[in-house]
PDB file of all heavy atoms in Angstrom:
ATOM      1  N   PRO A   1       0.818  -1.214   0.000  1.00  0.00           N
ATOM      2  CA  PRO A   1       0.000   0.000   0.000  1.00  0.00           C
ATOM      3  C   PRO A   1       0.853   1.266   0.000  1.00  0.00           C
ATOM      4  O   PRO A   1       1.781   1.398   0.801  1.00  0.00           O
ATOM      5  CB  PRO A   1      -0.804  -0.117   1.296  1.00  0.00           C
ATOM      6  CG  PRO A   1      -0.908  -1.586   1.527  1.00  0.00           C
ATOM      7  CD  PRO A   1       0.426  -2.126   1.088  1.00  0.00           C
ATOM      8  N   GLY A   2       0.548   2.182  -0.911  1.00  0.00           N
ATOM      9  CA  GLY A   2       1.270   3.435  -0.987  1.00  0.00           C
ATOM     10  C   GLY A   2       2.630   3.360  -1.638  1.00  0.00           C
ATOM     11  O   GLY A   2       3.357   4.362  -1.663  1.00  0.00           O
ATOM     12  N   LYS A   3       3.002   2.206  -2.153  1.00  0.00           N
ATOM     13  CA  LYS A   3       4.302   2.042  -2.783  1.00  0.00           C
ATOM     14  C   LYS A   3       4.159   1.569  -4.224  1.00  0.00           C
ATOM     15  O   LYS A   3       3.126   1.045  -4.626  1.00  0.00           O
ATOM     16  CB  LYS A   3       5.157   1.050  -2.000  1.00  0.00           C
ATOM     17  CG  LYS A   3       5.517   1.511  -0.595  1.00  0.00           C
ATOM     18  CD  LYS A   3       6.469   0.536   0.069  1.00  0.00           C
ATOM     19  CE  LYS A   3       6.885   1.024   1.437  1.00  0.00           C
ATOM     20  NZ  LYS A   3       7.829   0.070   2.079  1.00  0.00           N
ATOM     21  N   GLN A   4       5.223   1.758  -4.989  1.00  0.00           N
ATOM     22  CA  GLN A   4       5.241   1.314  -6.375  1.00  0.00           C
ATOM     23  C   GLN A   4       5.478  -0.188  -6.453  1.00  0.00           C
ATOM     24  O   GLN A   4       6.060  -0.788  -5.546  1.00  0.00           O
ATOM     25  CB  GLN A   4       6.330   2.045  -7.161  1.00  0.00           C
ATOM     26  CG  GLN A   4       6.088   3.531  -7.348  1.00  0.00           C
ATOM     27  CD  GLN A   4       7.146   4.175  -8.208  1.00  0.00           C
ATOM     28  OE1 GLN A   4       8.337   3.962  -8.001  1.00  0.00           O
ATOM     29  NE2 GLN A   4       6.710   4.953  -9.181  1.00  0.00           N
ATOM     30  N   ARG A   5       5.020  -0.767  -7.540  1.00  0.00           N
ATOM     31  CA  ARG A   5       5.268  -2.175  -7.757  1.00  0.00           C
ATOM     32  C   ARG A   5       6.763  -2.396  -7.985  1.00  0.00           C
ATOM     33  O   ARG A   5       7.408  -1.640  -8.714  1.00  0.00           O
ATOM     34  CB  ARG A   5       4.467  -2.673  -8.962  1.00  0.00           C
ATOM     35  CG  ARG A   5       4.537  -4.169  -9.186  1.00  0.00           C
ATOM     36  CD  ARG A   5       3.604  -4.603 -10.313  1.00  0.00           C
ATOM     37  NE  ARG A   5       2.215  -4.291 -10.013  1.00  0.00           N
ATOM     38  CZ  ARG A   5       1.194  -4.638 -10.788  1.00  0.00           C
ATOM     39  NH1 ARG A   5       1.406  -5.318 -11.905  1.00  0.00           N
ATOM     40  NH2 ARG A   5      -0.045  -4.305 -10.445  1.00  0.00           N
ATOM     41  N   GLU A   6       7.298  -3.426  -7.364  1.00  0.00           N
ATOM     42  CA  GLU A   6       8.712  -3.701  -7.476  1.00  0.00           C
ATOM     43  C   GLU A   6       8.964  -5.151  -7.869  1.00  0.00           C
ATOM     44  O   GLU A   6       8.185  -6.046  -7.546  1.00  0.00           O
ATOM     45  CB  GLU A   6       9.435  -3.403  -6.157  1.00  0.00           C
ATOM     46  CG  GLU A   6       9.007  -4.293  -5.003  1.00  0.00           C
ATOM     47  CD  GLU A   6       9.837  -4.098  -3.750  1.00  0.00           C
ATOM     48  OE1 GLU A   6      10.925  -3.488  -3.843  1.00  0.00           O
ATOM     49  OE2 GLU A   6       9.404  -4.555  -2.673  1.00  0.00           O
ATOM     50  N   LEU A   7      10.056  -5.351  -8.554  1.00  0.00           N
ATOM     51  CA  LEU A   7      10.468  -6.695  -8.930  1.00  0.00           C
ATOM     52  C   LEU A   7      11.023  -7.409  -7.714  1.00  0.00           C
ATOM     53  O   LEU A   7      11.876  -6.884  -7.008  1.00  0.00           O
ATOM     54  CB  LEU A   7      11.524  -6.638 -10.032  1.00  0.00           C
ATOM     55  CG  LEU A   7      12.133  -7.979 -10.448  1.00  0.00           C
ATOM     56  CD1 LEU A   7      11.087  -8.850 -11.132  1.00  0.00           C
ATOM     57  CD2 LEU A   7      13.322  -7.760 -11.374  1.00  0.00           C
ATOM     58  N   VAL A   8      10.547  -8.611  -7.483  1.00  0.00           N
ATOM     59  CA  VAL A   8      11.007  -9.427  -6.373  1.00  0.00           C
ATOM     60  C   VAL A   8      11.996 -10.481  -6.850  1.00  0.00           C
ATOM     61  O   VAL A   8      13.072 -10.652  -6.271  1.00  0.00           O
ATOM     62  CB  VAL A   8       9.821 -10.112  -5.660  1.00  0.00           C
ATOM     63  CG1 VAL A   8      10.317 -11.046  -4.560  1.00  0.00           C
ATOM     64  CG2 VAL A   8       8.878  -9.065  -5.081  1.00  0.00           C
ATOM     65  N   ALA A   9      11.617 -11.206  -7.883  1.00  0.00           N
ATOM     66  CA  ALA A   9      12.464 -12.262  -8.421  1.00  0.00           C
ATOM     67  C   ALA A   9      12.162 -12.463  -9.892  1.00  0.00           C
ATOM     68  O   ALA A   9      11.034 -12.269 -10.337  1.00  0.00           O
ATOM     69  CB  ALA A   9      12.244 -13.569  -7.654  1.00  0.00           C
ATOM     70  N   HIS A  10      13.172 -12.875 -10.633  1.00  0.00           N
ATOM     71  CA  HIS A  10      13.021 -13.053 -12.069  1.00  0.00           C
ATOM     72  C   HIS A  10      13.816 -14.263 -12.520  1.00  0.00           C
ATOM     73  O   HIS A  10      14.902 -14.538 -11.997  1.00  0.00           O
ATOM     74  CB  HIS A  10      13.510 -11.797 -12.804  1.00  0.00           C
ATOM     75  CG  HIS A  10      13.295 -11.823 -14.283  1.00  0.00           C
ATOM     76  ND1 HIS A  10      14.262 -12.249 -15.165  1.00  0.00           N
ATOM     77  CD2 HIS A  10      12.222 -11.474 -15.036  1.00  0.00           C
ATOM     78  CE1 HIS A  10      13.796 -12.168 -16.400  1.00  0.00           C
ATOM     79  NE2 HIS A  10      12.565 -11.700 -16.340  1.00  0.00           N
ATOM     80  N   ILE A  11      13.271 -14.972 -13.491  1.00  0.00           N
ATOM     81  CA  ILE A  11      13.969 -16.110 -14.065  1.00  0.00           C
ATOM     82  C   ILE A  11      13.832 -16.055 -15.576  1.00  0.00           C
ATOM     83  O   ILE A  11      12.743 -15.859 -16.108  1.00  0.00           O
ATOM     84  CB  ILE A  11      13.441 -17.453 -13.494  1.00  0.00           C
ATOM     85  CG1 ILE A  11      14.266 -18.624 -14.034  1.00  0.00           C
ATOM     86  CG2 ILE A  11      11.959 -17.639 -13.788  1.00  0.00           C
ATOM     87  CD1 ILE A  11      13.990 -19.934 -13.298  1.00  0.00           C
ATOM     88  N   THR A  12      14.931 -16.220 -16.281  1.00  0.00           N
ATOM     89  CA  THR A  12      14.907 -16.185 -17.738  1.00  0.00           C
ATOM     90  C   THR A  12      14.538 -17.551 -18.287  1.00  0.00           C
ATOM     91  O   THR A  12      14.488 -18.549 -17.567  1.00  0.00           O
ATOM     92  CB  THR A  12      16.273 -15.776 -18.299  1.00  0.00           C
ATOM     93  OG1 THR A  12      17.223 -16.820 -18.045  1.00  0.00           O
ATOM     94  CG2 THR A  12      16.764 -14.481 -17.667  1.00  0.00           C
ATOM     95  N   SER A  13      14.284 -17.587 -19.589  1.00  0.00           N
ATOM     96  CA  SER A  13      13.955 -18.860 -20.228  1.00  0.00           C
ATOM     97  C   SER A  13      15.103 -19.847 -20.115  1.00  0.00           C
ATOM     98  O   SER A  13      14.889 -21.057 -20.159  1.00  0.00           O
ATOM     99  CB  SER A  13      13.596 -18.635 -21.697  1.00  0.00           C
ATOM    100  OG  SER A  13      14.673 -18.042 -22.407  1.00  0.00           O
ATOM    101  N   GLY A  14      16.314 -19.319 -19.949  1.00  0.00           N
ATOM    102  CA  GLY A  14      17.481 -20.164 -19.801  1.00  0.00           C
ATOM    103  C   GLY A  14      17.755 -20.604 -18.379  1.00  0.00           C
ATOM    104  O   GLY A  14      18.672 -21.396 -18.140  1.00  0.00           O
ATOM    105  N   GLY A  15      16.987 -20.081 -17.425  1.00  0.00           N
ATOM    106  CA  GLY A  15      17.131 -20.499 -16.047  1.00  0.00           C
ATOM    107  C   GLY A  15      17.922 -19.572 -15.141  1.00  0.00           C
ATOM    108  O   GLY A  15      18.074 -19.858 -13.947  1.00  0.00           O
ATOM    109  N   SER A  16      18.431 -18.475 -15.668  1.00  0.00           N
ATOM    110  CA  SER A  16      19.158 -17.516 -14.836  1.00  0.00           C
ATOM    111  C   SER A  16      18.186 -16.772 -13.936  1.00  0.00           C
ATOM    112  O   SER A  16      17.104 -16.389 -14.366  1.00  0.00           O
ATOM    113  CB  SER A  16      19.922 -16.525 -15.702  1.00  0.00           C
ATOM    114  OG  SER A  16      20.906 -17.177 -16.481  1.00  0.00           O
ATOM    115  N   THR A  17      18.580 -16.543 -12.695  1.00  0.00           N
ATOM    116  CA  THR A  17      17.703 -15.883 -11.725  1.00  0.00           C
ATOM    117  C   THR A  17      18.287 -14.584 -11.217  1.00  0.00           C
ATOM    118  O   THR A  17      19.505 -14.379 -11.227  1.00  0.00           O
ATOM    119  CB  THR A  17      17.406 -16.801 -10.535  1.00  0.00           C
ATOM    120  OG1 THR A  17      18.641 -17.180  -9.903  1.00  0.00           O
ATOM    121  CG2 THR A  17      16.674 -18.053 -10.993  1.00  0.00           C
ATOM    122  N   ASN A  18      17.405 -13.719 -10.750  1.00  0.00           N
ATOM    123  CA  ASN A  18      17.783 -12.436 -10.193  1.00  0.00           C
ATOM    124  C   ASN A  18      16.803 -12.098  -9.080  1.00  0.00           C
ATOM    125  O   ASN A  18      15.602 -12.344  -9.215  1.00  0.00           O
ATOM    126  CB  ASN A  18      17.767 -11.355 -11.272  1.00  0.00           C
ATOM    127  CG  ASN A  18      18.251 -10.018 -10.768  1.00  0.00           C
ATOM    128  OD1 ASN A  18      19.271  -9.937 -10.087  1.00  0.00           O
ATOM    129  ND2 ASN A  18      17.521  -8.963 -11.112  1.00  0.00           N
ATOM    130  N   TYR A  19      17.304 -11.524  -7.982  1.00  0.00           N
ATOM    131  CA  TYR A  19      16.471 -11.213  -6.832  1.00  0.00           C
ATOM    132  C   TYR A  19      16.697  -9.796  -6.348  1.00  0.00           C
ATOM    133  O   TYR A  19      17.798  -9.253  -6.447  1.00  0.00           O
ATOM    134  CB  TYR A  19      16.762 -12.160  -5.672  1.00  0.00           C
ATOM    135  CG  TYR A  19      16.491 -13.606  -5.965  1.00  0.00           C
ATOM    136  CD1 TYR A  19      17.491 -14.433  -6.475  1.00  0.00           C
ATOM    137  CD2 TYR A  19      15.235 -14.160  -5.737  1.00  0.00           C
ATOM    138  CE1 TYR A  19      17.240 -15.767  -6.748  1.00  0.00           C
ATOM    139  CE2 TYR A  19      14.985 -15.491  -6.005  1.00  0.00           C
ATOM    140  CZ  TYR A  19      15.990 -16.292  -6.513  1.00  0.00           C
ATOM    141  OH  TYR A  19      15.743 -17.619  -6.782  1.00  0.00           O
ATOM    142  N   ALA A  20      15.640  -9.223  -5.803  1.00  0.00           N
ATOM    143  CA  ALA A  20      15.784  -7.946  -5.129  1.00  0.00           C
ATOM    144  C   ALA A  20      16.652  -8.144  -3.890  1.00  0.00           C
ATOM    145  O   ALA A  20      16.603  -9.197  -3.252  1.00  0.00           O
ATOM    146  CB  ALA A  20      14.420  -7.399  -4.725  1.00  0.00           C
ATOM    147  N   ASP A  21      17.442  -7.134  -3.554  1.00  0.00           N
ATOM    148  CA  ASP A  21      18.331  -7.244  -2.399  1.00  0.00           C
ATOM    149  C   ASP A  21      17.568  -7.561  -1.113  1.00  0.00           C
ATOM    150  O   ASP A  21      18.074  -8.278  -0.245  1.00  0.00           O
ATOM    151  CB  ASP A  21      19.120  -5.952  -2.216  1.00  0.00           C
ATOM    152  CG  ASP A  21      20.167  -5.744  -3.291  1.00  0.00           C
ATOM    153  OD1 ASP A  21      20.566  -6.728  -3.941  1.00  0.00           O
ATOM    154  OD2 ASP A  21      20.598  -4.590  -3.478  1.00  0.00           O
ATOM    155  N   SER A  22      16.363  -7.055  -1.003  1.00  0.00           N
ATOM    156  CA  SER A  22      15.583  -7.231   0.210  1.00  0.00           C
ATOM    157  C   SER A  22      15.131  -8.668   0.452  1.00  0.00           C
ATOM    158  O   SER A  22      14.780  -9.023   1.579  1.00  0.00           O
ATOM    159  CB  SER A  22      14.352  -6.310   0.189  1.00  0.00           C
ATOM    160  OG  SER A  22      13.525  -6.597  -0.920  1.00  0.00           O
ATOM    161  N   VAL A  23      15.137  -9.493  -0.594  1.00  0.00           N
ATOM    162  CA  VAL A  23      14.671 -10.869  -0.443  1.00  0.00           C
ATOM    163  C   VAL A  23      15.753 -11.896  -0.721  1.00  0.00           C
ATOM    164  O   VAL A  23      15.526 -13.098  -0.527  1.00  0.00           O
ATOM    165  CB  VAL A  23      13.456 -11.164  -1.350  1.00  0.00           C
ATOM    166  CG1 VAL A  23      12.369 -10.124  -1.142  1.00  0.00           C
ATOM    167  CG2 VAL A  23      13.871 -11.218  -2.824  1.00  0.00           C
ATOM    168  N   LYS A  24      16.904 -11.453  -1.149  1.00  0.00           N
ATOM    169  CA  LYS A  24      17.992 -12.362  -1.484  1.00  0.00           C
ATOM    170  C   LYS A  24      18.375 -13.214  -0.278  1.00  0.00           C
ATOM    171  O   LYS A  24      18.568 -12.711   0.824  1.00  0.00           O
ATOM    172  CB  LYS A  24      19.189 -11.566  -1.983  1.00  0.00           C
ATOM    173  CG  LYS A  24      20.256 -12.391  -2.681  1.00  0.00           C
ATOM    174  CD  LYS A  24      21.295 -11.491  -3.348  1.00  0.00           C
ATOM    175  CE  LYS A  24      20.671 -10.644  -4.444  1.00  0.00           C
ATOM    176  NZ  LYS A  24      21.671  -9.807  -5.157  1.00  0.00           N
ATOM    177  N   GLY A  25      18.461 -14.506  -0.508  1.00  0.00           N
ATOM    178  CA  GLY A  25      18.777 -15.434   0.557  1.00  0.00           C
ATOM    179  C   GLY A  25      17.566 -15.982   1.271  1.00  0.00           C
ATOM    180  O   GLY A  25      17.677 -16.951   2.040  1.00  0.00           O
ATOM    181  N   ARG A  26      16.396 -15.377   1.033  1.00  0.00           N
ATOM    182  CA  ARG A  26      15.172 -15.821   1.686  1.00  0.00           C
ATOM    183  C   ARG A  26      14.150 -16.373   0.693  1.00  0.00           C
ATOM    184  O   ARG A  26      13.403 -17.293   1.021  1.00  0.00           O
ATOM    185  CB  ARG A  26      14.523 -14.673   2.462  1.00  0.00           C
ATOM    186  CG  ARG A  26      15.390 -14.107   3.571  1.00  0.00           C
ATOM    187  CD  ARG A  26      14.609 -13.103   4.425  1.00  0.00           C
ATOM    188  NE  ARG A  26      14.181 -11.941   3.650  1.00  0.00           N
ATOM    189  CZ  ARG A  26      12.915 -11.561   3.481  1.00  0.00           C
ATOM    190  NH1 ARG A  26      11.939 -12.272   4.042  1.00  0.00           N
ATOM    191  NH2 ARG A  26      12.616 -10.480   2.775  1.00  0.00           N
ATOM    192  N   PHE A  27      14.108 -15.810  -0.509  1.00  0.00           N
ATOM    193  CA  PHE A  27      13.142 -16.221  -1.527  1.00  0.00           C
ATOM    194  C   PHE A  27      13.835 -16.988  -2.641  1.00  0.00           C
ATOM    195  O   PHE A  27      14.997 -16.719  -2.968  1.00  0.00           O
ATOM    196  CB  PHE A  27      12.449 -15.008  -2.156  1.00  0.00           C
ATOM    197  CG  PHE A  27      11.516 -14.263  -1.242  1.00  0.00           C
ATOM    198  CD1 PHE A  27      11.448 -14.533   0.113  1.00  0.00           C
ATOM    199  CD2 PHE A  27      10.689 -13.273  -1.765  1.00  0.00           C
ATOM    200  CE1 PHE A  27      10.587 -13.836   0.945  1.00  0.00           C
ATOM    201  CE2 PHE A  27       9.820 -12.576  -0.949  1.00  0.00           C
ATOM    202  CZ  PHE A  27       9.765 -12.850   0.408  1.00  0.00           C
ATOM    203  N   THR A  28      13.104 -17.917  -3.251  1.00  0.00           N
ATOM    204  CA  THR A  28      13.622 -18.686  -4.373  1.00  0.00           C
ATOM    205  C   THR A  28      12.560 -18.791  -5.462  1.00  0.00           C
ATOM    206  O   THR A  28      11.437 -19.218  -5.192  1.00  0.00           O
ATOM    207  CB  THR A  28      14.047 -20.102  -3.948  1.00  0.00           C
ATOM    208  OG1 THR A  28      15.025 -20.030  -2.909  1.00  0.00           O
ATOM    209  CG2 THR A  28      14.640 -20.853  -5.137  1.00  0.00           C
ATOM    210  N   ILE A  29      12.920 -18.413  -6.680  1.00  0.00           N
ATOM    211  CA  ILE A  29      12.011 -18.531  -7.808  1.00  0.00           C
ATOM    212  C   ILE A  29      12.376 -19.787  -8.602  1.00  0.00           C
ATOM    213  O   ILE A  29      13.548 -20.107  -8.768  1.00  0.00           O
ATOM    214  CB  ILE A  29      12.055 -17.283  -8.713  1.00  0.00           C
ATOM    215  CG1 ILE A  29      10.980 -17.356  -9.801  1.00  0.00           C
ATOM    216  CG2 ILE A  29      13.440 -17.091  -9.330  1.00  0.00           C
ATOM    217  CD1 ILE A  29      10.822 -16.058 -10.595  1.00  0.00           C
ATOM    218  N   SER A  30      11.370 -20.485  -9.075  1.00  0.00           N
ATOM    219  CA  SER A  30      11.599 -21.687  -9.856  1.00  0.00           C
ATOM    220  C   SER A  30      10.428 -21.908 -10.798  1.00  0.00           C
ATOM    221  O   SER A  30       9.401 -21.236 -10.696  1.00  0.00           O
ATOM    222  CB  SER A  30      11.795 -22.907  -8.951  1.00  0.00           C
ATOM    223  OG  SER A  30      10.632 -23.158  -8.183  1.00  0.00           O
ATOM    224  N   ARG A  31      10.589 -22.846 -11.705  1.00  0.00           N
ATOM    225  CA  ARG A  31       9.490 -23.171 -12.615  1.00  0.00           C
ATOM    226  C   ARG A  31       9.487 -24.646 -12.947  1.00  0.00           C
ATOM    227  O   ARG A  31      10.519 -25.316 -12.902  1.00  0.00           O
ATOM    228  CB  ARG A  31       9.574 -22.334 -13.890  1.00  0.00           C
ATOM    229  CG  ARG A  31      10.764 -22.648 -14.789  1.00  0.00           C
ATOM    230  CD  ARG A  31      10.728 -21.799 -16.032  1.00  0.00           C
ATOM    231  NE  ARG A  31      11.768 -22.153 -16.988  1.00  0.00           N
ATOM    232  CZ  ARG A  31      11.917 -21.590 -18.177  1.00  0.00           C
ATOM    233  NH1 ARG A  31      11.089 -20.630 -18.554  1.00  0.00           N
ATOM    234  NH2 ARG A  31      12.896 -21.982 -18.972  1.00  0.00           N
ATOM    235  N   ASP A  32       8.302 -25.136 -13.283  1.00  0.00           N
ATOM    236  CA  ASP A  32       8.104 -26.516 -13.682  1.00  0.00           C
ATOM    237  C   ASP A  32       7.453 -26.469 -15.062  1.00  0.00           C
ATOM    238  O   ASP A  32       6.252 -26.228 -15.179  1.00  0.00           O
ATOM    239  CB  ASP A  32       7.217 -27.252 -12.681  1.00  0.00           C
ATOM    240  CG  ASP A  32       7.114 -28.727 -12.971  1.00  0.00           C
ATOM    241  OD1 ASP A  32       7.240 -29.135 -14.139  1.00  0.00           O
ATOM    242  OD2 ASP A  32       6.898 -29.501 -12.010  1.00  0.00           O
ATOM    243  N   ASN A  33       8.240 -26.684 -16.086  1.00  0.00           N
ATOM    244  CA  ASN A  33       7.732 -26.582 -17.451  1.00  0.00           C
ATOM    245  C   ASN A  33       6.630 -27.598 -17.748  1.00  0.00           C
ATOM    246  O   ASN A  33       5.691 -27.307 -18.484  1.00  0.00           O
ATOM    247  CB  ASN A  33       8.868 -26.759 -18.451  1.00  0.00           C
ATOM    248  CG  ASN A  33       9.839 -25.601 -18.448  1.00  0.00           C
ATOM    249  OD1 ASN A  33       9.492 -24.485 -18.074  1.00  0.00           O
ATOM    250  ND2 ASN A  33      11.067 -25.858 -18.871  1.00  0.00           N
ATOM    251  N   ALA A  34       6.739 -28.779 -17.180  1.00  0.00           N
ATOM    252  CA  ALA A  34       5.747 -29.822 -17.419  1.00  0.00           C
ATOM    253  C   ALA A  34       4.377 -29.427 -16.887  1.00  0.00           C
ATOM    254  O   ALA A  34       3.350 -29.841 -17.426  1.00  0.00           O
ATOM    255  CB  ALA A  34       6.191 -31.140 -16.794  1.00  0.00           C
ATOM    256  N   LYS A  35       4.356 -28.624 -15.827  1.00  0.00           N
ATOM    257  CA  LYS A  35       3.101 -28.193 -15.219  1.00  0.00           C
ATOM    258  C   LYS A  35       2.700 -26.782 -15.625  1.00  0.00           C
ATOM    259  O   LYS A  35       1.671 -26.280 -15.175  1.00  0.00           O
ATOM    260  CB  LYS A  35       3.198 -28.265 -13.697  1.00  0.00           C
ATOM    261  CG  LYS A  35       3.394 -29.663 -13.152  1.00  0.00           C
ATOM    262  CD  LYS A  35       3.458 -29.651 -11.641  1.00  0.00           C
ATOM    263  CE  LYS A  35       3.622 -31.050 -11.085  1.00  0.00           C
ATOM    264  NZ  LYS A  35       3.697 -31.054  -9.603  1.00  0.00           N
ATOM    265  N   ASN A  36       3.511 -26.143 -16.457  1.00  0.00           N
ATOM    266  CA  ASN A  36       3.264 -24.755 -16.869  1.00  0.00           C
ATOM    267  C   ASN A  36       3.049 -23.858 -15.651  1.00  0.00           C
ATOM    268  O   ASN A  36       2.144 -23.026 -15.625  1.00  0.00           O
ATOM    269  CB  ASN A  36       2.055 -24.675 -17.805  1.00  0.00           C
ATOM    270  CG  ASN A  36       2.309 -25.317 -19.147  1.00  0.00           C
ATOM    271  OD1 ASN A  36       3.386 -25.159 -19.717  1.00  0.00           O
ATOM    272  ND2 ASN A  36       1.327 -26.035 -19.661  1.00  0.00           N
ATOM    273  N   THR A  37       3.899 -24.042 -14.674  1.00  0.00           N
ATOM    274  CA  THR A  37       3.752 -23.341 -13.410  1.00  0.00           C
ATOM    275  C   THR A  37       5.090 -22.832 -12.908  1.00  0.00           C
ATOM    276  O   THR A  37       6.112 -23.506 -13.064  1.00  0.00           O
ATOM    277  CB  THR A  37       3.137 -24.264 -12.345  1.00  0.00           C
ATOM    278  OG1 THR A  37       1.876 -24.751 -12.805  1.00  0.00           O
ATOM    279  CG2 THR A  37       2.934 -23.528 -11.031  1.00  0.00           C
ATOM    280  N   MET A  38       5.090 -21.647 -12.318  1.00  0.00           N
ATOM    281  CA  MET A  38       6.280 -21.163 -11.644  1.00  0.00           C
ATOM    282  C   MET A  38       5.952 -20.907 -10.179  1.00  0.00           C
ATOM    283  O   MET A  38       4.781 -20.757  -9.809  1.00  0.00           O
ATOM    284  CB  MET A  38       6.851 -19.908 -12.310  1.00  0.00           C
ATOM    285  CG  MET A  38       6.060 -18.647 -12.112  1.00  0.00           C
ATOM    286  SD  MET A  38       7.072 -17.204 -12.599  1.00  0.00           S
ATOM    287  CE  MET A  38       5.881 -15.895 -12.375  1.00  0.00           C
ATOM    288  N   TYR A  39       6.991 -20.851  -9.364  1.00  0.00           N
ATOM    289  CA  TYR A  39       6.808 -20.761  -7.929  1.00  0.00           C
ATOM    290  C   TYR A  39       7.687 -19.684  -7.316  1.00  0.00           C
ATOM    291  O   TYR A  39       8.718 -19.298  -7.868  1.00  0.00           O
ATOM    292  CB  TYR A  39       7.149 -22.093  -7.264  1.00  0.00           C
ATOM    293  CG  TYR A  39       6.425 -23.276  -7.843  1.00  0.00           C
ATOM    294  CD1 TYR A  39       6.995 -24.033  -8.862  1.00  0.00           C
ATOM    295  CD2 TYR A  39       5.168 -23.640  -7.370  1.00  0.00           C
ATOM    296  CE1 TYR A  39       6.331 -25.128  -9.395  1.00  0.00           C
ATOM    297  CE2 TYR A  39       4.496 -24.731  -7.902  1.00  0.00           C
ATOM    298  CZ  TYR A  39       5.087 -25.470  -8.918  1.00  0.00           C
ATOM    299  OH  TYR A  39       4.413 -26.551  -9.441  1.00  0.00           O
ATOM    300  N   LEU A  40       7.268 -19.230  -6.162  1.00  0.00           N
ATOM    301  CA  LEU A  40       8.092 -18.352  -5.347  1.00  0.00           C
ATOM    302  C   LEU A  40       8.052 -18.906  -3.926  1.00  0.00           C
ATOM    303  O   LEU A  40       7.031 -18.799  -3.241  1.00  0.00           O
ATOM    304  CB  LEU A  40       7.590 -16.911  -5.368  1.00  0.00           C
ATOM    305  CG  LEU A  40       8.456 -15.916  -4.587  1.00  0.00           C
ATOM    306  CD1 LEU A  40       9.819 -15.755  -5.270  1.00  0.00           C
ATOM    307  CD2 LEU A  40       7.765 -14.563  -4.466  1.00  0.00           C
ATOM    308  N   GLN A  41       9.145 -19.522  -3.521  1.00  0.00           N
ATOM    309  CA  GLN A  41       9.262 -20.024  -2.161  1.00  0.00           C
ATOM    310  C   GLN A  41       9.760 -18.899  -1.279  1.00  0.00           C
ATOM    311  O   GLN A  41      10.833 -18.344  -1.523  1.00  0.00           O
ATOM    312  CB  GLN A  41      10.226 -21.214  -2.107  1.00  0.00           C
ATOM    313  CG  GLN A  41      10.445 -21.779  -0.708  1.00  0.00           C
ATOM    314  CD  GLN A  41       9.195 -22.399  -0.133  1.00  0.00           C
ATOM    315  OE1 GLN A  41       8.523 -23.177  -0.802  1.00  0.00           O
ATOM    316  NE2 GLN A  41       8.866 -22.061   1.107  1.00  0.00           N
ATOM    317  N   MET A  42       8.995 -18.558  -0.263  1.00  0.00           N
ATOM    318  CA  MET A  42       9.321 -17.447   0.616  1.00  0.00           C
ATOM    319  C   MET A  42       9.555 -17.971   2.029  1.00  0.00           C
ATOM    320  O   MET A  42       8.646 -18.523   2.648  1.00  0.00           O
ATOM    321  CB  MET A  42       8.205 -16.405   0.615  1.00  0.00           C
ATOM    322  CG  MET A  42       7.845 -15.883  -0.777  1.00  0.00           C
ATOM    323  SD  MET A  42       6.603 -14.558  -0.737  1.00  0.00           S
ATOM    324  CE  MET A  42       5.185 -15.473  -0.127  1.00  0.00           C
ATOM    325  N   ASN A  43      10.763 -17.793   2.515  1.00  0.00           N
ATOM    326  CA  ASN A  43      11.132 -18.223   3.856  1.00  0.00           C
ATOM    327  C   ASN A  43      11.525 -17.022   4.708  1.00  0.00           C
ATOM    328  O   ASN A  43      11.819 -15.945   4.198  1.00  0.00           O
ATOM    329  CB  ASN A  43      12.296 -19.215   3.800  1.00  0.00           C
ATOM    330  CG  ASN A  43      11.970 -20.472   3.039  1.00  0.00           C
ATOM    331  OD1 ASN A  43      10.848 -20.971   3.084  1.00  0.00           O
ATOM    332  ND2 ASN A  43      12.964 -21.010   2.329  1.00  0.00           N
TER     333      ASN A  43
END
């Protein structure tokens, strides 16, 4: 609320990942091509 939308995590078609500094080490982005689904694990 009251803030701009920000990128949290990104994954390229080749599998390279990038994370915002605020979530690095805590969040993990992944995808399952067979299920046409991507995930964000937040710890």
